[in-house]
């Protein structure tokens, strides 16, 4: 399942950024996931929770935004949503798509850092619940 390696890579990148900022925690991470990227959102969410365990990212919400697959035809300049399964023949002239404009990406769109007080409160709450 390549979703686990993707989740681990996202957590690693956010952890590195958190260390460089001195951030106490992460409240949410928003990802752009192209519909043609071959990523199963539910599997990614499950793997993300596992990858976060014991890191500064633990407890963060994962928000995924699906980016539609868009193609462009050079001969007639038509631009269209390719959908799933992808329609890679131009609806205008029937030529093969020359370019996929979007839909293959997997990138971190935004990270929301937790406030320092929120991280302390979460640790206090966890300690109280364990007692």
Protein backbone atom coordinates (compact mmCIF):
# COMPACT_ATOMS: atom_id res chain seq x y z
CA UNK A 1 0.00 0.00 0.00
CA UNK A 2 1.81 3.13 -1.17
CA UNK A 3 -0.50 5.34 0.91
CA UNK A 4 1.59 4.45 3.98
CA UNK A 5 4.80 5.68 2.36
CA UNK A 6 2.99 8.86 1.28
CA UNK A 7 1.63 9.43 4.79
CA UNK A 8 5.09 8.90 6.32
CA UNK A 9 6.60 11.36 3.82
CA UNK A 10 3.99 14.02 4.67
CA UNK A 11 4.54 13.56 8.41
CA UNK A 12 8.33 13.74 7.96
CA UNK A 13 8.09 16.97 5.96
CA UNK A 14 5.73 18.59 8.46
CA UNK A 15 7.88 17.46 11.40
CA UNK A 16 10.95 19.01 9.78
CA UNK A 17 9.06 22.27 9.24
CA UNK A 18 7.75 22.18 12.83
CA UNK A 19 11.27 21.79 14.22
CA UNK A 20 12.61 24.67 12.14
CA UNK A 21 9.74 26.89 13.35
CA UNK A 22 9.85 25.72 16.94
CA UNK A 23 6.19 24.71 16.64
CA UNK A 24 4.70 22.81 19.57
CA UNK A 25 2.21 20.90 17.45
CA UNK A 26 0.07 20.76 14.35
CA UNK A 27 -3.68 21.24 14.29
CA UNK A 28 -4.30 20.33 10.64
CA UNK A 29 -2.67 19.50 7.33
CA UNK A 30 -4.40 20.13 4.02
CA UNK A 31 -3.32 18.11 1.00
CA UNK A 32 -4.09 18.55 -2.69
CA UNK A 33 -4.61 15.07 -4.14
CA UNK A 34 -5.06 14.73 -7.90
CA UNK A 35 -7.82 12.39 -9.02
CA UNK A 36 -5.29 10.73 -11.36
CA UNK A 37 -2.60 10.32 -8.66
CA UNK A 38 -3.74 6.79 -7.77
CA UNK A 39 -4.26 7.65 -4.10
CA UNK A 40 -7.18 6.18 -2.13
CA UNK A 41 -8.23 8.97 0.27
CA UNK A 42 -9.62 6.64 2.96
CA UNK A 43 -6.46 4.53 2.93
CA UNK A 44 -4.32 7.67 3.14
CA UNK A 45 -6.34 8.92 6.15
CA UNK A 46 -5.94 5.58 7.92
CA UNK A 47 -2.20 5.48 7.23
CA UNK A 48 -1.81 9.12 8.26
CA UNK A 49 -3.13 8.35 11.75
CA UNK A 50 -0.63 5.51 12.10
CA UNK A 51 2.28 7.59 10.75
CA UNK A 52 1.52 10.43 13.20
CA UNK A 53 1.77 8.31 16.34
CA UNK A 54 4.43 9.66 18.68
CA UNK A 55 5.24 12.69 16.50
CA UNK A 56 4.56 16.39 16.79
CA UNK A 57 1.87 15.80 14.14
CA UNK A 58 -0.09 13.36 16.33
CA UNK A 59 -3.71 14.45 16.67
CA UNK A 60 -3.63 16.68 13.58
CA UNK A 61 -6.60 16.64 11.23
CA UNK A 62 -5.87 15.54 7.67
CA UNK A 63 -7.90 17.44 5.09
CA UNK A 64 -7.71 16.22 1.51
CA UNK A 65 -8.85 18.30 -1.43
CA UNK A 66 -9.38 16.45 -4.70
CA UNK A 67 -7.88 18.19 -7.71
CA UNK A 68 -9.70 17.24 -10.92
CA UNK A 69 -7.80 15.85 -13.88
CA UNK A 70 -7.71 18.50 -16.62
CA UNK A 71 -6.27 17.93 -20.10
CA UNK A 72 -5.41 20.26 -22.98
CA UNK A 73 -5.39 19.61 -26.71
CA UNK A 74 -2.70 21.45 -28.65
CA UNK A 75 -4.31 21.32 -32.13
CA UNK A 76 -7.65 22.86 -31.14
CA UNK A 77 -6.83 24.40 -27.71
CA UNK A 78 -9.72 22.53 -26.04
CA UNK A 79 -9.44 22.10 -22.26
CA UNK A 80 -11.57 19.48 -20.49
CA UNK A 81 -12.03 17.52 -17.28
CA UNK A 82 -10.85 13.99 -18.00
CA UNK A 83 -12.82 12.28 -15.22
CA UNK A 84 -12.39 8.69 -14.05
CA UNK A 85 -11.70 6.57 -15.95
CA UNK A 86 -9.83 9.31 -17.80
CA UNK A 87 -11.04 10.47 -21.19
CA UNK A 88 -7.79 11.34 -22.94
CA UNK A 89 -9.22 12.02 -26.40
CA UNK A 90 -10.18 15.61 -27.11
CA UNK A 91 -13.95 16.09 -27.12
CA UNK A 92 -13.46 18.90 -29.66
CA UNK A 93 -11.36 17.27 -32.39
CA UNK A 94 -10.71 13.68 -31.26
CA UNK A 95 -6.92 14.09 -30.98
CA UNK A 96 -5.03 12.58 -28.05
CA UNK A 97 -4.46 14.91 -25.11
CA UNK A 98 -1.13 16.69 -25.42
CA UNK A 99 -0.92 17.75 -21.81
CA UNK A 100 -2.36 16.90 -18.43
CA UNK A 101 -2.75 20.30 -16.80
CA UNK A 102 -3.73 18.93 -13.39
CA UNK A 103 -4.81 15.80 -11.60
CA UNK A 104 -1.52 14.04 -10.83
CA UNK A 105 -0.40 16.17 -7.91
CA UNK A 106 0.05 15.23 -4.28
CA UNK A 107 1.24 18.22 -2.34
CA UNK A 108 0.93 19.83 1.04
CA UNK A 109 -1.34 22.84 0.55
CA UNK A 110 -1.41 24.20 4.09
CA UNK A 111 -0.25 23.38 7.62
CA UNK A 112 -1.97 24.96 10.59
CA UNK A 113 0.26 25.05 13.63
CA UNK A 114 -1.23 24.41 17.07
CA UNK A 115 -0.90 27.20 19.56
CA UNK A 116 1.69 26.49 22.29
CA UNK A 117 -1.02 26.56 24.97
CA UNK A 118 -3.11 24.00 23.06
CA UNK A 119 -0.26 21.48 23.05
CA UNK A 120 0.29 21.89 26.81
CA UNK A 121 -3.47 21.55 27.45
CA UNK A 122 -3.65 18.39 25.32
CA UNK A 123 -0.73 16.82 27.24
CA UNK A 124 -2.35 17.79 30.56
CA UNK A 125 -5.68 16.29 29.48
CA UNK A 126 -3.99 13.06 28.37
CA UNK A 127 -2.15 12.77 31.68
CA UNK A 128 -5.38 13.40 33.65
CA UNK A 129 -7.28 10.76 31.59
CA UNK A 130 -4.56 8.16 32.22
CA UNK A 131 -4.73 8.68 36.01
